[in-house]
Amino acid sequence: METIHAVVNDQPESLAELRPDLSSGFVAVVEKALRKDPDERYQNMGELAADFRHLDRKAASILLKRKGKRRSKRRPLGTLVVIAAAAAAAWLLWR
């Protein structure tokens, strides 16, 4: 019961403080998915996926500038992150 109460009522620790190595864009997407007010969260998985795709493109463009060429293979880590965040958001929205 304490865990459920904390999920519903308490603000989680800042992800940026817990993991300062994460990009601010990624932190913003996760924090939006975890907001307490349902109107402030993603209204559907399409919105969440669009934000993650935007982050993925932005990260790819940064890598392009660093390496000078783009990898031809899909980025499995980005896909895994999208799936994990979508599952977390779906669970929150379902509640």
PDB file of N, CA and C in Angstrom:
ATOM      1  N   MET A   1       0.816  -1.197   0.000  1.00  0.00           N
ATOM      2  CA  MET A   1       0.000   0.000   0.000  1.00  0.00           C
ATOM      3  C   MET A   1       0.865   1.268   0.000  1.00  0.00           C
ATOM      4  N   GLU A   2       1.986   1.210   0.704  1.00  0.00           N
ATOM      5  CA  GLU A   2       2.870   2.384   0.733  1.00  0.00           C
ATOM      6  C   GLU A   2       3.405   2.704  -0.655  1.00  0.00           C
ATOM      7  N   THR A   3       3.748   1.670  -1.395  1.00  0.00           N
ATOM      8  CA  THR A   3       4.279   1.877  -2.745  1.00  0.00           C
ATOM      9  C   THR A   3       3.227   2.505  -3.638  1.00  0.00           C
ATOM     10  N   ILE A   4       2.009   1.990  -3.587  1.00  0.00           N
ATOM     11  CA  ILE A   4       0.920   2.538  -4.399  1.00  0.00           C
ATOM     12  C   ILE A   4       0.667   3.990  -4.016  1.00  0.00           C
ATOM     13  N   HIS A   5       0.647   4.264  -2.719  1.00  0.00           N
ATOM     14  CA  HIS A   5       0.448   5.640  -2.259  1.00  0.00           C
ATOM     15  C   HIS A   5       1.550   6.553  -2.787  1.00  0.00           C
ATOM     16  N   ALA A   6       2.798   6.084  -2.740  1.00  0.00           N
ATOM     17  CA  ALA A   6       3.920   6.897  -3.218  1.00  0.00           C
ATOM     18  C   ALA A   6       3.812   7.149  -4.720  1.00  0.00           C
ATOM     19  N   VAL A   7       3.438   6.131  -5.486  1.00  0.00           N
ATOM     20  CA  VAL A   7       3.302   6.292  -6.935  1.00  0.00           C
ATOM     21  C   VAL A   7       2.232   7.323  -7.261  1.00  0.00           C
ATOM     22  N   VAL A   8       1.130   7.276  -6.546  1.00  0.00           N
ATOM     23  CA  VAL A   8       0.004   8.169  -6.829  1.00  0.00           C
ATOM     24  C   VAL A   8       0.250   9.585  -6.319  1.00  0.00           C
ATOM     25  N   ASN A   9       0.884   9.723  -5.163  1.00  0.00           N
ATOM     26  CA  ASN A   9       0.941  11.031  -4.508  1.00  0.00           C
ATOM     27  C   ASN A   9       2.307  11.710  -4.469  1.00  0.00           C
ATOM     28  N   ASP A  10       3.380  10.952  -4.375  1.00  0.00           N
ATOM     29  CA  ASP A  10       4.702  11.554  -4.181  1.00  0.00           C
ATOM     30  C   ASP A  10       5.390  11.812  -5.515  1.00  0.00           C
ATOM     31  N   GLN A  11       6.113  12.909  -5.561  1.00  0.00           N
ATOM     32  CA  GLN A  11       6.893  13.247  -6.749  1.00  0.00           C
ATOM     33  C   GLN A  11       8.174  12.407  -6.730  1.00  0.00           C
ATOM     34  N   PRO A  12       8.503  11.728  -7.823  1.00  0.00           N
ATOM     35  CA  PRO A  12       9.739  10.922  -7.826  1.00  0.00           C
ATOM     36  C   PRO A  12      10.968  11.819  -7.797  1.00  0.00           C
ATOM     37  N   GLU A  13      12.094  11.226  -7.401  1.00  0.00           N
ATOM     38  CA  GLU A  13      13.354  11.969  -7.431  1.00  0.00           C
ATOM     39  C   GLU A  13      13.639  12.406  -8.853  1.00  0.00           C
ATOM     40  N   SER A  14      14.294  13.520  -8.981  1.00  0.00           N
ATOM     41  CA  SER A  14      14.628  14.035 -10.304  1.00  0.00           C
ATOM     42  C   SER A  14      15.585  13.073 -11.006  1.00  0.00           C
ATOM     43  N   LEU A  15      15.198  12.663 -12.193  1.00  0.00           N
ATOM     44  CA  LEU A  15      16.039  11.776 -12.984  1.00  0.00           C
ATOM     45  C   LEU A  15      17.358  12.452 -13.340  1.00  0.00           C
ATOM     46  N   ALA A  16      17.308  13.753 -13.548  1.00  0.00           N
ATOM     47  CA  ALA A  16      18.526  14.503 -13.871  1.00  0.00           C
ATOM     48  C   ALA A  16      19.524  14.458 -12.714  1.00  0.00           C
ATOM     49  N   GLU A  17      19.022  14.439 -11.488  1.00  0.00           N
ATOM     50  CA  GLU A  17      19.919  14.355 -10.332  1.00  0.00           C
ATOM     51  C   GLU A  17      20.430  12.936 -10.130  1.00  0.00           C
ATOM     52  N   LEU A  18      19.564  11.958 -10.400  1.00  0.00           N
ATOM     53  CA  LEU A  18      19.968  10.568 -10.244  1.00  0.00           C
ATOM     54  C   LEU A  18      20.964  10.139 -11.312  1.00  0.00           C
ATOM     55  N   ARG A  19      20.756  10.616 -12.535  1.00  0.00           N
ATOM     56  CA  ARG A  19      21.607  10.249 -13.675  1.00  0.00           C
ATOM     57  C   ARG A  19      21.986  11.493 -14.465  1.00  0.00           C
ATOM     58  N   PRO A  20      22.940  12.261 -13.980  1.00  0.00           N
ATOM     59  CA  PRO A  20      23.332  13.490 -14.680  1.00  0.00           C
ATOM     60  C   PRO A  20      23.912  13.244 -16.071  1.00  0.00           C
ATOM     61  N   ASP A  21      24.255  11.997 -16.383  1.00  0.00           N
ATOM     62  CA  ASP A  21      24.819  11.682 -17.687  1.00  0.00           C
ATOM     63  C   ASP A  21      23.764  11.590 -18.787  1.00  0.00           C
ATOM     64  N   LEU A  22      22.478  11.553 -18.415  1.00  0.00           N
ATOM     65  CA  LEU A  22      21.406  11.459 -19.407  1.00  0.00           C
ATOM     66  C   LEU A  22      21.153  12.817 -20.057  1.00  0.00           C
ATOM     67  N   SER A  23      20.715  12.789 -21.302  1.00  0.00           N
ATOM     68  CA  SER A  23      20.437  14.043 -21.998  1.00  0.00           C
ATOM     69  C   SER A  23      19.209  14.721 -21.397  1.00  0.00           C
ATOM     70  N   SER A  24      19.189  16.025 -21.482  1.00  0.00           N
ATOM     71  CA  SER A  24      18.059  16.781 -20.927  1.00  0.00           C
ATOM     72  C   SER A  24      16.770  16.461 -21.682  1.00  0.00           C
ATOM     73  N   GLY A  25      16.872  16.181 -22.980  1.00  0.00           N
ATOM     74  CA  GLY A  25      15.691  15.813 -23.754  1.00  0.00           C
ATOM     75  C   GLY A  25      15.083  14.504 -23.285  1.00  0.00           C
ATOM     76  N   PHE A  26      15.926  13.511 -23.039  1.00  0.00           N
ATOM     77  CA  PHE A  26      15.450  12.218 -22.548  1.00  0.00           C
ATOM     78  C   PHE A  26      14.793  12.384 -21.178  1.00  0.00           C
ATOM     79  N   VAL A  27      15.434  13.146 -20.302  1.00  0.00           N
ATOM     80  CA  VAL A  27      14.894  13.388 -18.962  1.00  0.00           C
ATOM     81  C   VAL A  27      13.528  14.061 -19.067  1.00  0.00           C
ATOM     82  N   ALA A  28      13.383  15.026 -19.960  1.00  0.00           N
ATOM     83  CA  ALA A  28      12.107  15.735 -20.128  1.00  0.00           C
ATOM     84  C   ALA A  28      11.001  14.790 -20.568  1.00  0.00           C
ATOM     85  N   VAL A  29      11.312  13.866 -21.486  1.00  0.00           N
ATOM     86  CA  VAL A  29      10.312  12.914 -21.967  1.00  0.00           C
ATOM     87  C   VAL A  29       9.876  11.991 -20.828  1.00  0.00           C
ATOM     88  N   VAL A  30      10.827  11.452 -20.084  1.00  0.00           N
ATOM     89  CA  VAL A  30      10.497  10.545 -18.976  1.00  0.00           C
ATOM     90  C   VAL A  30       9.701  11.272 -17.906  1.00  0.00           C
ATOM     91  N   GLU A  31      10.112  12.488 -17.567  1.00  0.00           N
ATOM     92  CA  GLU A  31       9.395  13.234 -16.532  1.00  0.00           C
ATOM     93  C   GLU A  31       7.975  13.572 -16.973  1.00  0.00           C
ATOM     94  N   LYS A  32       7.778  13.856 -18.252  1.00  0.00           N
ATOM     95  CA  LYS A  32       6.418  14.111 -18.746  1.00  0.00           C
ATOM     96  C   LYS A  32       5.575  12.846 -18.620  1.00  0.00           C
ATOM     97  N   ALA A  33       6.156  11.699 -18.918  1.00  0.00           N
ATOM     98  CA  ALA A  33       5.429  10.432 -18.818  1.00  0.00           C
ATOM     99  C   ALA A  33       5.062  10.103 -17.372  1.00  0.00           C
ATOM    100  N   LEU A  34       5.811  10.637 -16.410  1.00  0.00           N
ATOM    101  CA  LEU A  34       5.579  10.326 -14.997  1.00  0.00           C
ATOM    102  C   LEU A  34       4.785  11.387 -14.242  1.00  0.00           C
ATOM    103  N   ARG A  35       4.335  12.421 -14.920  1.00  0.00           N
ATOM    104  CA  ARG A  35       3.605  13.488 -14.219  1.00  0.00           C
ATOM    105  C   ARG A  35       2.352  12.943 -13.547  1.00  0.00           C
ATOM    106  N   LYS A  36       2.030  13.528 -12.416  1.00  0.00           N
ATOM    107  CA  LYS A  36       0.873  13.068 -11.628  1.00  0.00           C
ATOM    108  C   LYS A  36      -0.453  13.450 -12.291  1.00  0.00           C
ATOM    109  N   ASP A  37      -0.521  14.628 -12.855  1.00  0.00           N
ATOM    110  CA  ASP A  37      -1.754  15.092 -13.492  1.00  0.00           C
ATOM    111  C   ASP A  37      -1.892  14.435 -14.867  1.00  0.00           C
ATOM    112  N   PRO A  38      -2.935  13.627 -15.071  1.00  0.00           N
ATOM    113  CA  PRO A  38      -3.102  12.927 -16.346  1.00  0.00           C
ATOM    114  C   PRO A  38      -3.141  13.863 -17.554  1.00  0.00           C
ATOM    115  N   ASP A  39      -3.641  15.079 -17.372  1.00  0.00           N
ATOM    116  CA  ASP A  39      -3.713  16.032 -18.488  1.00  0.00           C
ATOM    117  C   ASP A  39      -2.327  16.523 -18.907  1.00  0.00           C
ATOM    118  N   GLU A  40      -1.344  16.409 -18.032  1.00  0.00           N
ATOM    119  CA  GLU A  40       0.007  16.851 -18.337  1.00  0.00           C
ATOM    120  C   GLU A  40       0.873  15.727 -18.908  1.00  0.00           C
ATOM    121  N   ARG A  41       0.394  14.473 -18.812  1.00  0.00           N
ATOM    122  CA  ARG A  41       1.144  13.340 -19.357  1.00  0.00           C
ATOM    123  C   ARG A  41       0.835  13.171 -20.836  1.00  0.00           C
ATOM    124  N   TYR A  42       1.548  12.254 -21.472  1.00  0.00           N
ATOM    125  CA  TYR A  42       1.254  11.912 -22.860  1.00  0.00           C
ATOM    126  C   TYR A  42      -0.159  11.355 -22.925  1.00  0.00           C
ATOM    127  N   GLN A  43      -0.911  11.791 -23.918  1.00  0.00           N
ATOM    128  CA  GLN A  43      -2.296  11.351 -24.038  1.00  0.00           C
ATOM    129  C   GLN A  43      -2.425  10.039 -24.803  1.00  0.00           C
ATOM    130  N   ASN A  44      -1.378   9.684 -25.538  1.00  0.00           N
ATOM    131  CA  ASN A  44      -1.378   8.401 -26.239  1.00  0.00           C
ATOM    132  C   ASN A  44       0.057   8.005 -26.544  1.00  0.00           C
ATOM    133  N   MET A  45       0.225   6.757 -26.927  1.00  0.00           N
ATOM    134  CA  MET A  45       1.559   6.235 -27.199  1.00  0.00           C
ATOM    135  C   MET A  45       2.193   6.889 -28.424  1.00  0.00           C
ATOM    136  N   GLY A  46       1.376   7.370 -29.346  1.00  0.00           N
ATOM    137  CA  GLY A  46       1.900   8.046 -30.524  1.00  0.00           C
ATOM    138  C   GLY A  46       2.686   9.293 -30.157  1.00  0.00           C
ATOM    139  N   GLU A  47       2.171  10.062 -29.199  1.00  0.00           N
ATOM    140  CA  GLU A  47       2.872  11.265 -28.745  1.00  0.00           C
ATOM    141  C   GLU A  47       4.219  10.910 -28.117  1.00  0.00           C
ATOM    142  N   LEU A  48       4.204   9.889 -27.279  1.00  0.00           N
ATOM    143  CA  LEU A  48       5.436   9.455 -26.624  1.00  0.00           C
ATOM    144  C   LEU A  48       6.446   8.962 -27.656  1.00  0.00           C
ATOM    145  N   ALA A  49       5.992   8.129 -28.568  1.00  0.00           N
ATOM    146  CA  ALA A  49       6.879   7.595 -29.600  1.00  0.00           C
ATOM    147  C   ALA A  49       7.450   8.716 -30.467  1.00  0.00           C
ATOM    148  N   ALA A  50       6.633   9.720 -30.779  1.00  0.00           N
ATOM    149  CA  ALA A  50       7.104  10.842 -31.600  1.00  0.00           C
ATOM    150  C   ALA A  50       8.225  11.588 -30.886  1.00  0.00           C
ATOM    151  N   ASP A  51       8.081  11.811 -29.586  1.00  0.00           N
ATOM    152  CA  ASP A  51       9.135  12.495 -28.839  1.00  0.00           C
ATOM    153  C   ASP A  51      10.414  11.666 -28.803  1.00  0.00           C
ATOM    154  N   PHE A  52      10.275  10.351 -28.633  1.00  0.00           N
ATOM    155  CA  PHE A  52      11.468   9.499 -28.632  1.00  0.00           C
ATOM    156  C   PHE A  52      12.108   9.440 -30.017  1.00  0.00           C
ATOM    157  N   ARG A  53      11.297   9.421 -31.073  1.00  0.00           N
ATOM    158  CA  ARG A  53      11.861   9.442 -32.420  1.00  0.00           C
ATOM    159  C   ARG A  53      12.626  10.737 -32.656  1.00  0.00           C
ATOM    160  N   HIS A  54      12.066  11.844 -32.172  1.00  0.00           N
ATOM    161  CA  HIS A  54      12.744  13.134 -32.298  1.00  0.00           C
ATOM    162  C   HIS A  54      14.089  13.096 -31.577  1.00  0.00           C
ATOM    163  N   LEU A  55      14.106  12.542 -30.360  1.00  0.00           N
ATOM    164  CA  LEU A  55      15.360  12.426 -29.621  1.00  0.00           C
ATOM    165  C   LEU A  55      16.343  11.533 -30.356  1.00  0.00           C
ATOM    166  N   ASP A  56      15.837  10.453 -30.943  1.00  0.00           N
ATOM    167  CA  ASP A  56      16.689   9.511 -31.660  1.00  0.00           C
ATOM    168  C   ASP A  56      17.325  10.192 -32.870  1.00  0.00           C
ATOM    169  N   ARG A  57      16.535  10.989 -33.610  1.00  0.00           N
ATOM    170  CA  ARG A  57      17.076  11.718 -34.764  1.00  0.00           C
ATOM    171  C   ARG A  57      18.101  12.754 -34.319  1.00  0.00           C
ATOM    172  N   LYS A  58      17.797  13.425 -33.228  1.00  0.00           N
ATOM    173  CA  LYS A  58      18.709  14.444 -32.716  1.00  0.00           C
ATOM    174  C   LYS A  58      20.037  13.800 -32.297  1.00  0.00           C
ATOM    175  N   ALA A  59      19.954  12.658 -31.611  1.00  0.00           N
ATOM    176  CA  ALA A  59      21.172  11.952 -31.193  1.00  0.00           C
ATOM    177  C   ALA A  59      21.951  11.474 -32.417  1.00  0.00           C
ATOM    178  N   ALA A  60      21.232  10.998 -33.426  1.00  0.00           N
ATOM    179  CA  ALA A  60      21.896  10.526 -34.643  1.00  0.00           C
ATOM    180  C   ALA A  60      22.615  11.670 -35.343  1.00  0.00           C
ATOM    181  N   SER A  61      22.009  12.853 -35.370  1.00  0.00           N
ATOM    182  CA  SER A  61      22.663  13.983 -36.032  1.00  0.00           C
ATOM    183  C   SER A  61      23.919  14.409 -35.269  1.00  0.00           C
ATOM    184  N   ILE A  62      23.890  14.296 -33.959  1.00  0.00           N
ATOM    185  CA  ILE A  62      25.081  14.612 -33.165  1.00  0.00           C
ATOM    186  C   ILE A  62      26.185  13.610 -33.476  1.00  0.00           C
ATOM    187  N   LEU A  63      25.817  12.328 -33.564  1.00  0.00           N
ATOM    188  CA  LEU A  63      26.807  11.302 -33.897  1.00  0.00           C
ATOM    189  C   LEU A  63      27.370  11.522 -35.296  1.00  0.00           C
ATOM    190  N   LEU A  64      26.504  11.943 -36.216  1.00  0.00           N
ATOM    191  CA  LEU A  64      26.959  12.204 -37.579  1.00  0.00           C
ATOM    192  C   LEU A  64      28.032  13.290 -37.594  1.00  0.00           C
ATOM    193  N   LYS A  65      27.800  14.322 -36.825  1.00  0.00           N
ATOM    194  CA  LYS A  65      28.770  15.413 -36.771  1.00  0.00           C
ATOM    195  C   LYS A  65      30.093  14.927 -36.197  1.00  0.00           C
ATOM    196  N   ARG A  66      30.017  14.011 -35.231  1.00  0.00           N
ATOM    197  CA  ARG A  66      31.234  13.506 -34.597  1.00  0.00           C
ATOM    198  C   ARG A  66      31.981  12.533 -35.498  1.00  0.00           C
ATOM    199  N   LYS A  67      31.254  11.627 -36.132  1.00  0.00           N
ATOM    200  CA  LYS A  67      31.895  10.571 -36.905  1.00  0.00           C
ATOM    201  C   LYS A  67      31.994  10.878 -38.392  1.00  0.00           C
ATOM    202  N   GLY A  68      31.164  11.771 -38.874  1.00  0.00           N
ATOM    203  CA  GLY A  68      31.203  12.106 -40.281  1.00  0.00           C
ATOM    204  C   GLY A  68      30.411  11.170 -41.173  1.00  0.00           C
ATOM    205  N   LYS A  69      29.876  10.107 -40.623  1.00  0.00           N
ATOM    206  CA  LYS A  69      29.025   9.211 -41.411  1.00  0.00           C
ATOM    207  C   LYS A  69      27.988   8.561 -40.504  1.00  0.00           C
ATOM    208  N   ARG A  70      26.913   8.138 -41.097  1.00  0.00           N
ATOM    209  CA  ARG A  70      25.802   7.556 -40.354  1.00  0.00           C
ATOM    210  C   ARG A  70      25.863   6.038 -40.415  1.00  0.00           C
ATOM    211  N   ARG A  71      25.549   5.428 -39.298  1.00  0.00           N
ATOM    212  CA  ARG A  71      25.489   3.973 -39.275  1.00  0.00           C
ATOM    213  C   ARG A  71      24.280   3.510 -40.059  1.00  0.00           C
ATOM    214  N   SER A  72      24.427   2.428 -40.800  1.00  0.00           N
ATOM    215  CA  SER A  72      23.318   1.942 -41.612  1.00  0.00           C
ATOM    216  C   SER A  72      22.384   1.045 -40.825  1.00  0.00           C
ATOM    217  N   LYS A  73      22.851   0.473 -39.734  1.00  0.00           N
ATOM    218  CA  LYS A  73      22.004  -0.417 -38.934  1.00  0.00           C
ATOM    219  C   LYS A  73      21.102   0.409 -38.024  1.00  0.00           C
ATOM    220  N   ARG A  74      19.947  -0.155 -37.693  1.00  0.00           N
ATOM    221  CA  ARG A  74      19.043   0.507 -36.758  1.00  0.00           C
ATOM    222  C   ARG A  74      19.681   0.504 -35.378  1.00  0.00           C
ATOM    223  N   ARG A  75      19.352   1.472 -34.585  1.00  0.00           N
ATOM    224  CA  ARG A  75      19.899   1.558 -33.242  1.00  0.00           C
ATOM    225  C   ARG A  75      19.010   0.766 -32.281  1.00  0.00           C
ATOM    226  N   PRO A  76      19.450  -0.430 -31.881  1.00  0.00           N
ATOM    227  CA  PRO A  76      18.615  -1.255 -31.011  1.00  0.00           C
ATOM    228  C   PRO A  76      18.411  -0.627 -29.636  1.00  0.00           C
ATOM    229  N   LEU A  77      19.363   0.140 -29.133  1.00  0.00           N
ATOM    230  CA  LEU A  77      19.192   0.758 -27.831  1.00  0.00           C
ATOM    231  C   LEU A  77      18.058   1.773 -27.857  1.00  0.00           C
ATOM    232  N   GLY A  78      17.981   2.568 -28.913  1.00  0.00           N
ATOM    233  CA  GLY A  78      16.884   3.531 -29.033  1.00  0.00           C
ATOM    234  C   GLY A  78      15.539   2.840 -29.067  1.00  0.00           C
ATOM    235  N   THR A  79      15.451   1.731 -29.781  1.00  0.00           N
ATOM    236  CA  THR A  79      14.209   0.968 -29.842  1.00  0.00           C
ATOM    237  C   THR A  79      13.856   0.419 -28.467  1.00  0.00           C
ATOM    238  N   LEU A  80      14.848  -0.099 -27.760  1.00  0.00           N
ATOM    239  CA  LEU A  80      14.613  -0.634 -26.424  1.00  0.00           C
ATOM    240  C   LEU A  80      14.122   0.457 -25.474  1.00  0.00           C
ATOM    241  N   VAL A  81      14.706   1.638 -25.569  1.00  0.00           N
ATOM    242  CA  VAL A  81      14.293   2.752 -24.716  1.00  0.00           C
ATOM    243  C   VAL A  81      12.849   3.141 -25.016  1.00  0.00           C
ATOM    244  N   VAL A  82      12.486   3.199 -26.291  1.00  0.00           N
ATOM    245  CA  VAL A  82      11.118   3.547 -26.670  1.00  0.00           C
ATOM    246  C   VAL A  82      10.142   2.511 -26.128  1.00  0.00           C
ATOM    247  N   ILE A  83      10.475   1.239 -26.255  1.00  0.00           N
ATOM    248  CA  ILE A  83       9.586   0.180 -25.765  1.00  0.00           C
ATOM    249  C   ILE A  83       9.438   0.263 -24.249  1.00  0.00           C
ATOM    250  N   ALA A  84      10.541   0.452 -23.532  1.00  0.00           N
ATOM    251  CA  ALA A  84      10.486   0.535 -22.072  1.00  0.00           C
ATOM    252  C   ALA A  84       9.679   1.755 -21.619  1.00  0.00           C
ATOM    253  N   ALA A  85       9.910   2.890 -22.248  1.00  0.00           N
ATOM    254  CA  ALA A  85       9.170   4.099 -21.873  1.00  0.00           C
ATOM    255  C   ALA A  85       7.695   3.964 -22.231  1.00  0.00           C
ATOM    256  N   ALA A  86       7.409   3.351 -23.367  1.00  0.00           N
ATOM    257  CA  ALA A  86       6.017   3.153 -23.762  1.00  0.00           C
ATOM    258  C   ALA A  86       5.309   2.243 -22.785  1.00  0.00           C
ATOM    259  N   ALA A  87       5.988   1.195 -22.333  1.00  0.00           N
ATOM    260  CA  ALA A  87       5.382   0.284 -21.357  1.00  0.00           C
ATOM    261  C   ALA A  87       5.116   1.011 -20.036  1.00  0.00           C
ATOM    262  N   ALA A  88       6.081   1.822 -19.602  1.00  0.00           N
ATOM    263  CA  ALA A  88       5.903   2.567 -18.359  1.00  0.00           C
ATOM    264  C   ALA A  88       4.752   3.578 -18.488  1.00  0.00           C
ATOM    265  N   ALA A  89       4.719   4.276 -19.596  1.00  0.00           N
ATOM    266  CA  ALA A  89       3.643   5.248 -19.801  1.00  0.00           C
ATOM    267  C   ALA A  89       2.294   4.561 -19.937  1.00  0.00           C
ATOM    268  N   ALA A  90       2.251   3.438 -20.612  1.00  0.00           N
ATOM    269  CA  ALA A  90       0.988   2.690 -20.760  1.00  0.00           C
ATOM    270  C   ALA A  90       0.488   2.265 -19.382  1.00  0.00           C
ATOM    271  N   TRP A  91       1.403   1.808 -18.546  1.00  0.00           N
ATOM    272  CA  TRP A  91       0.986   1.390 -17.212  1.00  0.00           C
ATOM    273  C   TRP A  91       0.429   2.579 -16.431  1.00  0.00           C
ATOM    274  N   LEU A  92       1.105   3.732 -16.535  1.00  0.00           N
ATOM    275  CA  LEU A  92       0.637   4.924 -15.829  1.00  0.00           C
ATOM    276  C   LEU A  92      -0.713   5.414 -16.376  1.00  0.00           C
ATOM    277  N   LEU A  93      -0.852   5.411 -17.697  1.00  0.00           N
ATOM    278  CA  LEU A  93      -2.100   5.866 -18.306  1.00  0.00           C
ATOM    279  C   LEU A  93      -3.246   4.897 -18.025  1.00  0.00           C
ATOM    280  N   TRP A  94      -2.929   3.616 -17.969  1.00  0.00           N
ATOM    281  CA  TRP A  94      -3.943   2.607 -17.704  1.00  0.00           C
ATOM    282  C   TRP A  94      -4.554   2.775 -16.325  1.00  0.00           C
ATOM    283  N   ARG A  95      -3.685   3.149 -15.370  1.00  0.00           N
ATOM    284  CA  ARG A  95      -4.136   3.323 -14.004  1.00  0.00           C
ATOM    285  C   ARG A  95      -5.133   4.445 -13.976  1.00  0.00           C
TER     286      ARG A  95
END
